[in-house]
Amino acid sequence: MISDMERGRRKPGHYKPLLCDLFGRTADELGFPDDQPAVALAPAVDLGAMLSQASAVTPATVEDLQRQVDGLRALDRQLGSPAVIEPTRHLVNTVQDLMAHVFAGGIRSALAAVLSDAAALNAWQVLNAGQVQGAWQLHNLARTAGLESEQPQLLAHAMGEQAYGLLDLDRPADALQLIEAARDVAGTRVPQLLRAWLHAAEAEVHAALGDGLKCRAALDAATKTLPSDTDNAETPYVSLDEWHLERWRGNVLAKLGDSTALESLLVALEGTPSTFVRAAASLHCDIAQSLAMRGDRAASLRHAQQARTLARQTGSVRQLKRIEVVMRKTA
């Protein structure tokens, strides 16, 4: 594939940020200047035909669309964003088109729920590809659809995820405001699992702000809120159990420079499911960071290299950027 790009037979597309990060060069230096796409006239749309197509949407259709979202989510966790970013984008557009022509009733609100979930998933994929602005727009779409679905858990989740874009822009104070707003939206109306997830996300923001006291308080709140039954049937977009929370705890404590972070991270690493490849990359990066702080450079470098391999495998530009920072400190 890279050979085809070098010969001009293939354009880099959404791989452009990843290639720039891997080779440490700008798009121009790699011969990938920003293309100026030709402006094409939008094809004429037969409104009557679109309305007829939308009127054929049934509850079974909505369920099938949701199954597609769930399938893409599972592939994203295992294979990474590059493998599914375009299929997810296509699905978002499909649901959006259908919703635009279903003008009332329960079907429209049900489509809104699917759209919110799909748009948030696509936003997370785009964010992992290093495209913060594109992710921001998709998260806004997820929030708007979540409002119309009248499911506060969808809105709160989209807002919580959107805060990570602000963290990537180094705006942790803004991210905290957004997380707090998401928790206000959630209140006690959303499943307990999502409330625990929001507490953990808040802990990460406090860590970015360097506020260890509030970070640990939020982690404790997440632990207390986490239900004993962590089945996520109500919120398939939230994967959180004791393993995930232990991994999260290690991550945020490592950012604070807490010496106890390594214990949580090593425990989490032992129980990492094989399908959570991107999460494994993050774990190895956090372990590398903690080992570097302890002065064990050799072990830190080994974990950093493993993290980089997994991050490349999943196409996570966000993880690669973190890993390169850790490796520079280890060198």
C-alpha atoms as a PDB file:
ATOM      1  CA  MET A   1       0.000   0.000   0.000  1.00  0.00           C
ATOM      2  CA  ILE A   2       2.807   2.432   0.873  1.00  0.00           C
ATOM      3  CA  SER A   3       4.582   1.451  -2.348  1.00  0.00           C
ATOM      4  CA  ASP A   4       1.469   2.388  -4.325  1.00  0.00           C
ATOM      5  CA  MET A   5       1.386   5.741  -2.513  1.00  0.00           C
ATOM      6  CA  GLU A   6       5.027   6.382  -3.392  1.00  0.00           C
ATOM      7  CA  ARG A   7       4.285   5.696  -7.060  1.00  0.00           C
ATOM      8  CA  GLY A   8       1.240   7.955  -7.040  1.00  0.00           C
ATOM      9  CA  ARG A   9      -1.133   5.068  -7.693  1.00  0.00           C
ATOM     10  CA  ARG A  10      -2.965   5.557  -4.435  1.00  0.00           C
ATOM     11  CA  LYS A  11      -3.742   8.564  -2.266  1.00  0.00           C
ATOM     12  CA  PRO A  12      -3.044   8.368   1.465  1.00  0.00           C
ATOM     13  CA  GLY A  13      -6.575   9.447   2.449  1.00  0.00           C
ATOM     14  CA  HIS A  14      -7.165   9.082   6.167  1.00  0.00           C
ATOM     15  CA  TYR A  15      -3.732   7.428   6.582  1.00  0.00           C
ATOM     16  CA  LYS A  16      -2.033  10.813   5.953  1.00  0.00           C
ATOM     17  CA  PRO A  17      -1.790  11.900   9.666  1.00  0.00           C
ATOM     18  CA  LEU A  18      -0.554   8.435  10.659  1.00  0.00           C
ATOM     19  CA  LEU A  19       2.163   8.418   7.979  1.00  0.00           C
ATOM     20  CA  CYS A  20       3.268  11.927   8.936  1.00  0.00           C
ATOM     21  CA  ASP A  21       3.541  10.856  12.575  1.00  0.00           C
ATOM     22  CA  LEU A  22       5.427   7.636  11.787  1.00  0.00           C
ATOM     23  CA  PHE A  23       8.012   9.295   9.552  1.00  0.00           C
ATOM     24  CA  GLY A  24       8.210  12.559  11.489  1.00  0.00           C
ATOM     25  CA  ARG A  25       7.604  14.620   8.365  1.00  0.00           C
ATOM     26  CA  THR A  26       4.940  17.012   7.144  1.00  0.00           C
ATOM     27  CA  ALA A  27       2.500  16.056   4.425  1.00  0.00           C
ATOM     28  CA  ASP A  28       4.370  18.266   1.937  1.00  0.00           C
ATOM     29  CA  GLU A  29       7.701  16.642   2.801  1.00  0.00           C
ATOM     30  CA  LEU A  30       6.222  13.200   2.184  1.00  0.00           C
ATOM     31  CA  GLY A  31       4.755  14.334  -1.101  1.00  0.00           C
ATOM     32  CA  PHE A  32       1.197  14.372   0.210  1.00  0.00           C
ATOM     33  CA  PRO A  33       0.154  18.023  -0.216  1.00  0.00           C
ATOM     34  CA  ASP A  34      -3.343  18.943   0.794  1.00  0.00           C
ATOM     35  CA  ASP A  35      -5.557  18.141  -2.139  1.00  0.00           C
ATOM     36  CA  GLN A  36      -8.124  20.649  -3.264  1.00  0.00           C
ATOM     37  CA  PRO A  37     -11.074  18.473  -4.262  1.00  0.00           C
ATOM     38  CA  ALA A  38     -13.037  19.557  -7.265  1.00  0.00           C
ATOM     39  CA  VAL A  39     -16.366  21.076  -6.386  1.00  0.00           C
ATOM     40  CA  ALA A  40     -19.071  18.760  -7.652  1.00  0.00           C
ATOM     41  CA  LEU A  41     -22.670  19.693  -8.002  1.00  0.00           C
ATOM     42  CA  ALA A  42     -24.887  17.726  -5.654  1.00  0.00           C
ATOM     43  CA  PRO A  43     -27.157  15.342  -7.577  1.00  0.00           C
ATOM     44  CA  ALA A  44     -30.793  16.194  -7.704  1.00  0.00           C
ATOM     45  CA  VAL A  45     -32.731  14.433  -4.976  1.00  0.00           C
ATOM     46  CA  ASP A  46     -36.254  13.256  -5.501  1.00  0.00           C
ATOM     47  CA  LEU A  47     -37.862  14.211  -2.201  1.00  0.00           C
ATOM     48  CA  GLY A  48     -40.845  11.966  -2.879  1.00  0.00           C
ATOM     49  CA  ALA A  49     -38.568   8.975  -3.424  1.00  0.00           C
ATOM     50  CA  MET A  50     -36.588   9.718  -0.260  1.00  0.00           C
ATOM     51  CA  LEU A  51     -39.778  10.056   1.775  1.00  0.00           C
ATOM     52  CA  SER A  52     -41.028   6.750   0.368  1.00  0.00           C
ATOM     53  CA  GLN A  53     -37.741   5.066   1.247  1.00  0.00           C
ATOM     54  CA  ALA A  54     -37.814   6.461   4.760  1.00  0.00           C
ATOM     55  CA  SER A  55     -41.425   5.410   5.251  1.00  0.00           C
ATOM     56  CA  ALA A  56     -40.326   1.806   4.733  1.00  0.00           C
ATOM     57  CA  VAL A  57     -38.148   1.957   7.853  1.00  0.00           C
ATOM     58  CA  THR A  58     -39.507  -0.383  10.525  1.00  0.00           C
ATOM     59  CA  PRO A  59     -38.426  -1.194  14.081  1.00  0.00           C
ATOM     60  CA  ALA A  60     -36.652  -4.234  12.612  1.00  0.00           C
ATOM     61  CA  THR A  61     -34.714  -1.896  10.302  1.00  0.00           C
ATOM     62  CA  VAL A  62     -33.623   0.192  13.269  1.00  0.00           C
ATOM     63  CA  GLU A  63     -32.488  -2.920  15.120  1.00  0.00           C
ATOM     64  CA  ASP A  64     -30.450  -3.995  12.101  1.00  0.00           C
ATOM     65  CA  LEU A  65     -28.783  -0.588  11.922  1.00  0.00           C
ATOM     66  CA  GLN A  66     -27.917  -0.783  15.632  1.00  0.00           C
ATOM     67  CA  ARG A  67     -26.404  -4.235  15.114  1.00  0.00           C
ATOM     68  CA  GLN A  68     -24.187  -2.726  12.430  1.00  0.00           C
ATOM     69  CA  VAL A  69     -23.015  -0.041  14.871  1.00  0.00           C
ATOM     70  CA  ASP A  70     -22.258  -2.697  17.495  1.00  0.00           C
ATOM     71  CA  GLY A  71     -20.333  -4.785  14.966  1.00  0.00           C
ATOM     72  CA  LEU A  72     -18.229  -1.821  13.868  1.00  0.00           C
ATOM     73  CA  ARG A  73     -17.544  -0.994  17.528  1.00  0.00           C
ATOM     74  CA  ALA A  74     -16.190  -4.500  18.139  1.00  0.00           C
ATOM     75  CA  LEU A  75     -13.979  -4.321  15.042  1.00  0.00           C
ATOM     76  CA  ASP A  76     -12.714  -0.890  16.070  1.00  0.00           C
ATOM     77  CA  ARG A  77     -11.530  -2.176  19.438  1.00  0.00           C
ATOM     78  CA  GLN A  78      -9.706  -5.096  17.858  1.00  0.00           C
ATOM     79  CA  LEU A  79      -8.441  -3.795  14.509  1.00  0.00           C
ATOM     80  CA  GLY A  80      -8.272  -0.060  15.123  1.00  0.00           C
ATOM     81  CA  SER A  81      -9.822   2.981  13.537  1.00  0.00           C
ATOM     82  CA  PRO A  82      -8.299   2.802  10.010  1.00  0.00           C
ATOM     83  CA  ALA A  83     -10.102  -0.479   9.340  1.00  0.00           C
ATOM     84  CA  VAL A  84     -13.562   0.843  10.177  1.00  0.00           C
ATOM     85  CA  ILE A  85     -13.504   4.634  10.034  1.00  0.00           C
ATOM     86  CA  GLU A  86     -14.961   4.842   6.523  1.00  0.00           C
ATOM     87  CA  PRO A  87     -17.653   2.135   6.976  1.00  0.00           C
ATOM     88  CA  THR A  88     -18.728   3.882  10.174  1.00  0.00           C
ATOM     89  CA  ARG A  89     -18.834   7.249   8.422  1.00  0.00           C
ATOM     90  CA  HIS A  90     -20.971   5.711   5.673  1.00  0.00           C
ATOM     91  CA  LEU A  91     -23.352   4.262   8.256  1.00  0.00           C
ATOM     92  CA  VAL A  92     -23.625   7.652   9.991  1.00  0.00           C
ATOM     93  CA  ASN A  93     -24.544   9.271   6.665  1.00  0.00           C
ATOM     94  CA  THR A  94     -27.105   6.563   5.916  1.00  0.00           C
ATOM     95  CA  VAL A  95     -28.871   6.923   9.247  1.00  0.00           C
ATOM     96  CA  GLN A  96     -28.715  10.715   8.979  1.00  0.00           C
ATOM     97  CA  ASP A  97     -30.346  10.609   5.532  1.00  0.00           C
ATOM     98  CA  LEU A  98     -33.090   8.299   6.752  1.00  0.00           C
ATOM     99  CA  MET A  99     -33.751  10.440   9.801  1.00  0.00           C
ATOM    100  CA  ALA A 100     -33.961  13.563   7.632  1.00  0.00           C
ATOM    101  CA  HIS A 101     -36.940  12.047   5.822  1.00  0.00           C
ATOM    102  CA  VAL A 102     -38.707  10.368   8.750  1.00  0.00           C
ATOM    103  CA  PHE A 103     -40.542  13.394  10.025  1.00  0.00           C
ATOM    104  CA  ALA A 104     -42.293  12.167  13.193  1.00  0.00           C
ATOM    105  CA  GLY A 105     -43.086   9.283  15.492  1.00  0.00           C
ATOM    106  CA  GLY A 106     -41.221   6.652  17.408  1.00  0.00           C
ATOM    107  CA  ILE A 107     -39.190   5.562  14.384  1.00  0.00           C
ATOM    108  CA  ARG A 108     -37.560   8.989  14.181  1.00  0.00           C
ATOM    109  CA  SER A 109     -36.548   8.988  17.849  1.00  0.00           C
ATOM    110  CA  ALA A 110     -35.278   5.422  17.489  1.00  0.00           C
ATOM    111  CA  LEU A 111     -33.189   6.443  14.478  1.00  0.00           C
ATOM    112  CA  ALA A 112     -31.915   9.408  16.489  1.00  0.00           C
ATOM    113  CA  ALA A 113     -30.637   6.986  19.140  1.00  0.00           C
ATOM    114  CA  VAL A 114     -28.785   4.922  16.528  1.00  0.00           C
ATOM    115  CA  LEU A 115     -27.390   8.085  14.944  1.00  0.00           C
ATOM    116  CA  SER A 116     -26.118   9.387  18.274  1.00  0.00           C
ATOM    117  CA  ASP A 117     -24.351   6.099  19.000  1.00  0.00           C
ATOM    118  CA  ALA A 118     -22.884   5.798  15.476  1.00  0.00           C
ATOM    119  CA  ALA A 119     -21.737   9.440  15.337  1.00  0.00           C
ATOM    120  CA  ALA A 120     -20.032   9.166  18.749  1.00  0.00           C
ATOM    121  CA  LEU A 121     -18.271   5.986  17.620  1.00  0.00           C
ATOM    122  CA  ASN A 122     -17.115   7.642  14.393  1.00  0.00           C
ATOM    123  CA  ALA A 123     -16.008  10.695  16.371  1.00  0.00           C
ATOM    124  CA  TRP A 124     -13.839   8.520  18.620  1.00  0.00           C
ATOM    125  CA  GLN A 125     -12.306   6.837  15.568  1.00  0.00           C
ATOM    126  CA  VAL A 126     -11.593  10.202  13.949  1.00  0.00           C
ATOM    127  CA  LEU A 127     -10.098  11.515  17.202  1.00  0.00           C
ATOM    128  CA  ASN A 128      -7.794   8.499  17.374  1.00  0.00           C
ATOM    129  CA  ALA A 129      -6.708   9.320  13.839  1.00  0.00           C
ATOM    130  CA  GLY A 130      -5.574  12.715  15.118  1.00  0.00           C
ATOM    131  CA  GLN A 131      -8.387  14.747  13.533  1.00  0.00           C
ATOM    132  CA  VAL A 132      -9.684  16.765  16.466  1.00  0.00           C
ATOM    133  CA  GLN A 133     -11.857  19.158  14.472  1.00  0.00           C
ATOM    134  CA  GLY A 134     -13.623  16.381  12.575  1.00  0.00           C
ATOM    135  CA  ALA A 135     -14.234  14.533  15.829  1.00  0.00           C
ATOM    136  CA  TRP A 136     -15.657  17.689  17.407  1.00  0.00           C
ATOM    137  CA  GLN A 137     -18.222  18.034  14.621  1.00  0.00           C
ATOM    138  CA  LEU A 138     -19.251  14.391  14.865  1.00  0.00           C
ATOM    139  CA  HIS A 139     -19.614  14.652  18.642  1.00  0.00           C
ATOM    140  CA  ASN A 140     -21.870  17.675  18.115  1.00  0.00           C
ATOM    141  CA  LEU A 141     -23.981  15.555  15.762  1.00  0.00           C
ATOM    142  CA  ALA A 142     -24.096  12.805  18.403  1.00  0.00           C
ATOM    143  CA  ARG A 143     -25.215  15.334  21.012  1.00  0.00           C
ATOM    144  CA  THR A 144     -27.970  16.751  18.778  1.00  0.00           C
ATOM    145  CA  ALA A 145     -29.230  13.266  17.937  1.00  0.00           C
ATOM    146  CA  GLY A 146     -29.008  12.266  21.595  1.00  0.00           C
ATOM    147  CA  LEU A 147     -31.254  15.195  22.504  1.00  0.00           C
ATOM    148  CA  GLU A 148     -33.873  14.164  19.968  1.00  0.00           C
ATOM    149  CA  SER A 149     -33.723  10.539  21.056  1.00  0.00           C
ATOM    150  CA  GLU A 150     -34.750  11.706  24.546  1.00  0.00           C
ATOM    151  CA  GLN A 151     -32.155   9.344  26.011  1.00  0.00           C
ATOM    152  CA  PRO A 152     -29.973  11.375  28.397  1.00  0.00           C
ATOM    153  CA  GLN A 153     -27.382   8.615  28.527  1.00  0.00           C
ATOM    154  CA  LEU A 154     -26.572   9.129  24.839  1.00  0.00           C
ATOM    155  CA  LEU A 155     -26.219  12.877  25.267  1.00  0.00           C
ATOM    156  CA  ALA A 156     -24.093  12.558  28.418  1.00  0.00           C
ATOM    157  CA  HIS A 157     -21.827   9.972  26.779  1.00  0.00           C
ATOM    158  CA  ALA A 158     -21.272  12.123  23.683  1.00  0.00           C
ATOM    159  CA  MET A 159     -20.413  15.099  25.883  1.00  0.00           C
ATOM    160  CA  GLY A 160     -18.025  13.012  27.983  1.00  0.00           C
ATOM    161  CA  GLU A 161     -16.200  11.739  24.912  1.00  0.00           C
ATOM    162  CA  GLN A 162     -16.072  15.224  23.391  1.00  0.00           C
ATOM    163  CA  ALA A 163     -14.062  16.392  26.391  1.00  0.00           C
ATOM    164  CA  TYR A 164     -11.153  14.287  25.148  1.00  0.00           C
ATOM    165  CA  GLY A 165     -10.879  16.509  22.091  1.00  0.00           C
ATOM    166  CA  LEU A 166     -10.350  19.420  24.445  1.00  0.00           C
ATOM    167  CA  LEU A 167      -7.664  17.449  26.290  1.00  0.00           C
ATOM    168  CA  ASP A 168      -5.929  16.786  22.971  1.00  0.00           C
ATOM    169  CA  LEU A 169      -5.956  20.533  22.352  1.00  0.00           C
ATOM    170  CA  ASP A 170      -4.409  21.036  25.817  1.00  0.00           C
ATOM    171  CA  ARG A 171      -7.515  22.733  27.184  1.00  0.00           C
ATOM    172  CA  PRO A 172      -8.107  20.732  30.385  1.00  0.00           C
ATOM    173  CA  ALA A 173     -10.053  23.530  32.121  1.00  0.00           C
ATOM    174  CA  ASP A 174     -12.561  23.537  29.252  1.00  0.00           C
ATOM    175  CA  ALA A 175     -12.659  19.744  29.325  1.00  0.00           C
ATOM    176  CA  LEU A 176     -13.564  19.873  33.021  1.00  0.00           C
ATOM    177  CA  GLN A 177     -16.481  22.221  32.310  1.00  0.00           C
ATOM    178  CA  LEU A 178     -17.767  19.827  29.650  1.00  0.00           C
ATOM    179  CA  ILE A 179     -17.431  16.764  31.886  1.00  0.00           C
ATOM    180  CA  GLU A 180     -19.264  18.546  34.699  1.00  0.00           C
ATOM    181  CA  ALA A 181     -22.022  19.508  32.249  1.00  0.00           C
ATOM    182  CA  ALA A 182     -22.241  15.882  31.132  1.00  0.00           C
ATOM    183  CA  ARG A 183     -22.630  14.749  34.725  1.00  0.00           C
ATOM    184  CA  ASP A 184     -25.390  17.333  35.201  1.00  0.00           C
ATOM    185  CA  VAL A 185     -27.192  15.943  32.150  1.00  0.00           C
ATOM    186  CA  ALA A 186     -26.792  12.413  33.455  1.00  0.00           C
ATOM    187  CA  GLY A 187     -27.872  13.073  37.026  1.00  0.00           C
ATOM    188  CA  THR A 188     -29.400   9.872  38.340  1.00  0.00           C
ATOM    189  CA  ARG A 189     -31.389   9.270  35.164  1.00  0.00           C
ATOM    190  CA  VAL A 190     -28.750   7.215  33.395  1.00  0.00           C
ATOM    191  CA  PRO A 191     -27.481   3.689  34.102  1.00  0.00           C
ATOM    192  CA  GLN A 192     -25.052   3.374  36.978  1.00  0.00           C
ATOM    193  CA  LEU A 193     -22.347   2.066  34.648  1.00  0.00           C
ATOM    194  CA  LEU A 194     -22.337   5.326  32.689  1.00  0.00           C
ATOM    195  CA  ARG A 195     -22.227   7.390  35.883  1.00  0.00           C
ATOM    196  CA  ALA A 196     -19.113   5.467  36.955  1.00  0.00           C
ATOM    197  CA  TRP A 197     -17.589   6.087  33.502  1.00  0.00           C
ATOM    198  CA  LEU A 198     -18.197   9.831  33.825  1.00  0.00           C
ATOM    199  CA  HIS A 199     -16.514   9.888  37.251  1.00  0.00           C
ATOM    200  CA  ALA A 200     -13.474   8.115  35.799  1.00  0.00           C
ATOM    201  CA  ALA A 201     -13.355  10.523  32.849  1.00  0.00           C
ATOM    202  CA  GLU A 202     -13.490  13.418  35.305  1.00  0.00           C
ATOM    203  CA  ALA A 203     -10.554  11.889  37.195  1.00  0.00           C
ATOM    204  CA  GLU A 204      -8.532  11.901  33.974  1.00  0.00           C
ATOM    205  CA  VAL A 205      -9.303  15.573  33.419  1.00  0.00           C
ATOM    206  CA  HIS A 206      -8.266  16.443  36.986  1.00  0.00           C
ATOM    207  CA  ALA A 207      -5.016  14.545  36.373  1.00  0.00           C
ATOM    208  CA  ALA A 208      -4.412  16.679  33.285  1.00  0.00           C
ATOM    209  CA  LEU A 209      -4.938  19.737  35.491  1.00  0.00           C
ATOM    210  CA  GLY A 210      -2.481  18.341  38.029  1.00  0.00           C
ATOM    211  CA  ASP A 211      -5.094  18.225  40.795  1.00  0.00           C
ATOM    212  CA  GLY A 212      -4.256  14.981  42.575  1.00  0.00           C
ATOM    213  CA  LEU A 213      -6.792  15.430  45.389  1.00  0.00           C
ATOM    214  CA  LYS A 214      -9.802  15.848  43.105  1.00  0.00           C
ATOM    215  CA  CYS A 215      -8.472  13.165  40.765  1.00  0.00           C
ATOM    216  CA  ARG A 216      -8.364  10.553  43.518  1.00  0.00           C
ATOM    217  CA  ALA A 217     -11.784  11.644  44.803  1.00  0.00           C
ATOM    218  CA  ALA A 218     -13.244  11.119  41.325  1.00  0.00           C
ATOM    219  CA  LEU A 219     -11.568   7.701  41.064  1.00  0.00           C
ATOM    220  CA  ASP A 220     -13.047   6.714  44.431  1.00  0.00           C
ATOM    221  CA  ALA A 221     -16.471   7.901  43.228  1.00  0.00           C
ATOM    222  CA  ALA A 222     -16.098   5.776  40.096  1.00  0.00           C
ATOM    223  CA  THR A 223     -15.207   2.726  42.201  1.00  0.00           C
ATOM    224  CA  LYS A 224     -18.173   3.251  44.523  1.00  0.00           C
ATOM    225  CA  THR A 225     -20.571   3.852  41.627  1.00  0.00           C
ATOM    226  CA  LEU A 226     -19.440   0.887  39.525  1.00  0.00           C
ATOM    227  CA  PRO A 227     -22.249  -1.692  39.794  1.00  0.00           C
ATOM    228  CA  SER A 228     -21.514  -5.284  40.717  1.00  0.00           C
ATOM    229  CA  ASP A 229     -23.222  -6.340  37.480  1.00  0.00           C
ATOM    230  CA  THR A 230     -21.272  -4.549  34.743  1.00  0.00           C
ATOM    231  CA  ASP A 231     -23.418  -5.789  31.874  1.00  0.00           C
ATOM    232  CA  ASN A 232     -23.543  -2.963  29.327  1.00  0.00           C
ATOM    233  CA  ALA A 233     -26.662  -4.002  27.401  1.00  0.00           C
ATOM    234  CA  GLU A 234     -28.220  -0.607  28.145  1.00  0.00           C
ATOM    235  CA  THR A 235     -25.075   1.290  27.198  1.00  0.00           C
ATOM    236  CA  PRO A 236     -23.106  -0.806  24.669  1.00  0.00           C
ATOM    237  CA  TYR A 237     -20.853   2.167  23.999  1.00  0.00           C
ATOM    238  CA  VAL A 238     -19.471   1.992  27.563  1.00  0.00           C
ATOM    239  CA  SER A 239     -17.071  -0.819  28.422  1.00  0.00           C
ATOM    240  CA  LEU A 240     -16.305  -0.588  32.108  1.00  0.00           C
ATOM    241  CA  ASP A 241     -15.657  -3.243  34.700  1.00  0.00           C
ATOM    242  CA  GLU A 242     -13.097  -3.781  37.446  1.00  0.00           C
ATOM    243  CA  TRP A 243     -10.341  -4.462  34.886  1.00  0.00           C
ATOM    244  CA  HIS A 244     -11.112  -1.340  32.875  1.00  0.00           C
ATOM    245  CA  LEU A 245     -11.271   0.762  36.025  1.00  0.00           C
ATOM    246  CA  GLU A 246      -7.966  -0.619  37.325  1.00  0.00           C
ATOM    247  CA  ARG A 247      -6.384   0.243  33.976  1.00  0.00           C
ATOM    248  CA  TRP A 248      -7.922   3.710  34.095  1.00  0.00           C
ATOM    249  CA  ARG A 249      -6.721   4.228  37.667  1.00  0.00           C
ATOM    250  CA  GLY A 250      -3.182   3.336  36.676  1.00  0.00           C
ATOM    251  CA  ASN A 251      -3.368   5.662  33.692  1.00  0.00           C
ATOM    252  CA  VAL A 252      -4.420   8.753  35.605  1.00  0.00           C
ATOM    253  CA  LEU A 253      -2.126   8.076  38.560  1.00  0.00           C
ATOM    254  CA  ALA A 254       0.788   7.685  36.140  1.00  0.00           C
ATOM    255  CA  LYS A 255      -0.006  11.122  34.758  1.00  0.00           C
ATOM    256  CA  LEU A 256       0.199  12.473  38.290  1.00  0.00           C
ATOM    257  CA  GLY A 257       3.540  10.770  38.846  1.00  0.00           C
ATOM    258  CA  ASP A 258       2.104   8.529  41.588  1.00  0.00           C
ATOM    259  CA  SER A 259       4.440   5.633  42.398  1.00  0.00           C
ATOM    260  CA  THR A 260       1.483   3.304  43.055  1.00  0.00           C
ATOM    261  CA  ALA A 261       0.339   3.595  39.428  1.00  0.00           C
ATOM    262  CA  LEU A 262       2.658   0.808  38.266  1.00  0.00           C
ATOM    263  CA  GLU A 263       0.981  -1.780  40.499  1.00  0.00           C
ATOM    264  CA  SER A 264      -2.457  -1.044  39.034  1.00  0.00           C
ATOM    265  CA  LEU A 265      -1.079  -1.056  35.500  1.00  0.00           C
ATOM    266  CA  LEU A 266       0.692  -4.400  35.847  1.00  0.00           C
ATOM    267  CA  VAL A 267      -2.427  -5.982  37.355  1.00  0.00           C
ATOM    268  CA  ALA A 268      -4.493  -4.636  34.478  1.00  0.00           C
ATOM    269  CA  LEU A 269      -1.977  -5.835  31.892  1.00  0.00           C
ATOM    270  CA  GLU A 270      -2.279  -9.413  33.106  1.00  0.00           C
ATOM    271  CA  GLY A 271      -6.023  -9.381  32.538  1.00  0.00           C
ATOM    272  CA  THR A 272      -6.093  -7.549  29.199  1.00  0.00           C
ATOM    273  CA  PRO A 273      -8.587  -9.179  26.791  1.00  0.00           C
ATOM    274  CA  SER A 274      -7.022 -10.055  23.441  1.00  0.00           C
ATOM    275  CA  THR A 275      -9.660  -8.027  21.582  1.00  0.00           C
ATOM    276  CA  PHE A 276      -8.736  -4.732  23.298  1.00  0.00           C
ATOM    277  CA  VAL A 277      -5.606  -4.037  21.264  1.00  0.00           C
ATOM    278  CA  ARG A 278      -5.744  -0.242  21.490  1.00  0.00           C
ATOM    279  CA  ALA A 279      -6.259  -0.478  25.267  1.00  0.00           C
ATOM    280  CA  ALA A 280      -3.206  -2.741  25.479  1.00  0.00           C
ATOM    281  CA  ALA A 281      -1.162  -0.112  23.638  1.00  0.00           C
ATOM    282  CA  SER A 282      -2.243   2.496  26.176  1.00  0.00           C
ATOM    283  CA  LEU A 283      -1.347   0.177  29.045  1.00  0.00           C
ATOM    284  CA  HIS A 284       2.158  -0.479  27.758  1.00  0.00           C
ATOM    285  CA  CYS A 285       2.650   3.261  27.279  1.00  0.00           C
ATOM    286  CA  ASP A 286       1.546   3.987  30.851  1.00  0.00           C
ATOM    287  CA  ILE A 287       3.807   1.237  32.197  1.00  0.00           C
ATOM    288  CA  ALA A 288       6.717   2.652  30.209  1.00  0.00           C
ATOM    289  CA  GLN A 289       6.043   6.082  31.698  1.00  0.00           C
ATOM    290  CA  SER A 290       5.906   4.718  35.257  1.00  0.00           C
ATOM    291  CA  LEU A 291       9.090   2.669  34.801  1.00  0.00           C
ATOM    292  CA  ALA A 292      10.902   5.696  33.399  1.00  0.00           C
ATOM    293  CA  MET A 293       9.966   7.680  36.488  1.00  0.00           C
ATOM    294  CA  ARG A 294      11.496   4.904  38.598  1.00  0.00           C
ATOM    295  CA  GLY A 295      14.700   5.080  36.582  1.00  0.00           C
ATOM    296  CA  ASP A 296      14.311   1.666  34.904  1.00  0.00           C
ATOM    297  CA  ARG A 297      15.057   2.862  31.385  1.00  0.00           C
ATOM    298  CA  ALA A 298      15.615  -0.546  29.800  1.00  0.00           C
ATOM    299  CA  ALA A 299      12.239  -1.933  30.910  1.00  0.00           C
ATOM    300  CA  SER A 300      10.569   1.367  30.073  1.00  0.00           C
ATOM    301  CA  LEU A 301      11.901   1.243  26.526  1.00  0.00           C
ATOM    302  CA  ARG A 302      10.701  -2.350  26.052  1.00  0.00           C
ATOM    303  CA  HIS A 303       7.141  -1.427  27.025  1.00  0.00           C
ATOM    304  CA  ALA A 304       7.255   1.756  24.939  1.00  0.00           C
ATOM    305  CA  GLN A 305       8.316  -0.245  21.875  1.00  0.00           C
ATOM    306  CA  GLN A 306       5.509  -2.748  22.483  1.00  0.00           C
ATOM    307  CA  ALA A 307       3.063   0.134  22.858  1.00  0.00           C
ATOM    308  CA  ARG A 308       4.260   1.643  19.575  1.00  0.00           C
ATOM    309  CA  THR A 309       3.837  -1.667  17.753  1.00  0.00           C
ATOM    310  CA  LEU A 310       0.257  -2.049  18.987  1.00  0.00           C
ATOM    311  CA  ALA A 311      -0.586   1.600  18.318  1.00  0.00           C
ATOM    312  CA  ARG A 312       0.658   1.264  14.744  1.00  0.00           C
ATOM    313  CA  GLN A 313      -1.372  -1.916  14.372  1.00  0.00           C
ATOM    314  CA  THR A 314      -4.546  -0.059  15.352  1.00  0.00           C
ATOM    315  CA  GLY A 315      -3.665   3.190  13.576  1.00  0.00           C
ATOM    316  CA  SER A 316      -4.002   5.260  16.737  1.00  0.00           C
ATOM    317  CA  VAL A 317      -2.254   8.578  16.128  1.00  0.00           C
ATOM    318  CA  ARG A 318      -3.253   9.721  19.629  1.00  0.00           C
ATOM    319  CA  GLN A 319      -1.421   6.789  21.198  1.00  0.00           C
ATOM    320  CA  LEU A 320       1.610   7.206  18.940  1.00  0.00           C
ATOM    321  CA  LYS A 321       1.989  10.822  20.003  1.00  0.00           C
ATOM    322  CA  ARG A 322       1.879   9.828  23.681  1.00  0.00           C
ATOM    323  CA  ILE A 323       4.359   7.008  23.115  1.00  0.00           C
ATOM    324  CA  GLU A 324       6.867   9.218  21.321  1.00  0.00           C
ATOM    325  CA  VAL A 325       6.810  11.648  24.256  1.00  0.00           C
ATOM    326  CA  VAL A 326       7.523   8.799  26.680  1.00  0.00           C
ATOM    327  CA  MET A 327      10.301   7.392  24.474  1.00  0.00           C
ATOM    328  CA  ARG A 328      12.009  10.781  24.248  1.00  0.00           C
ATOM    329  CA  LYS A 329      12.027  11.003  28.030  1.00  0.00           C
ATOM    330  CA  THR A 330      13.369   7.438  28.291  1.00  0.00           C
ATOM    331  CA  ALA A 331      16.194   7.981  25.807  1.00  0.00           C
END
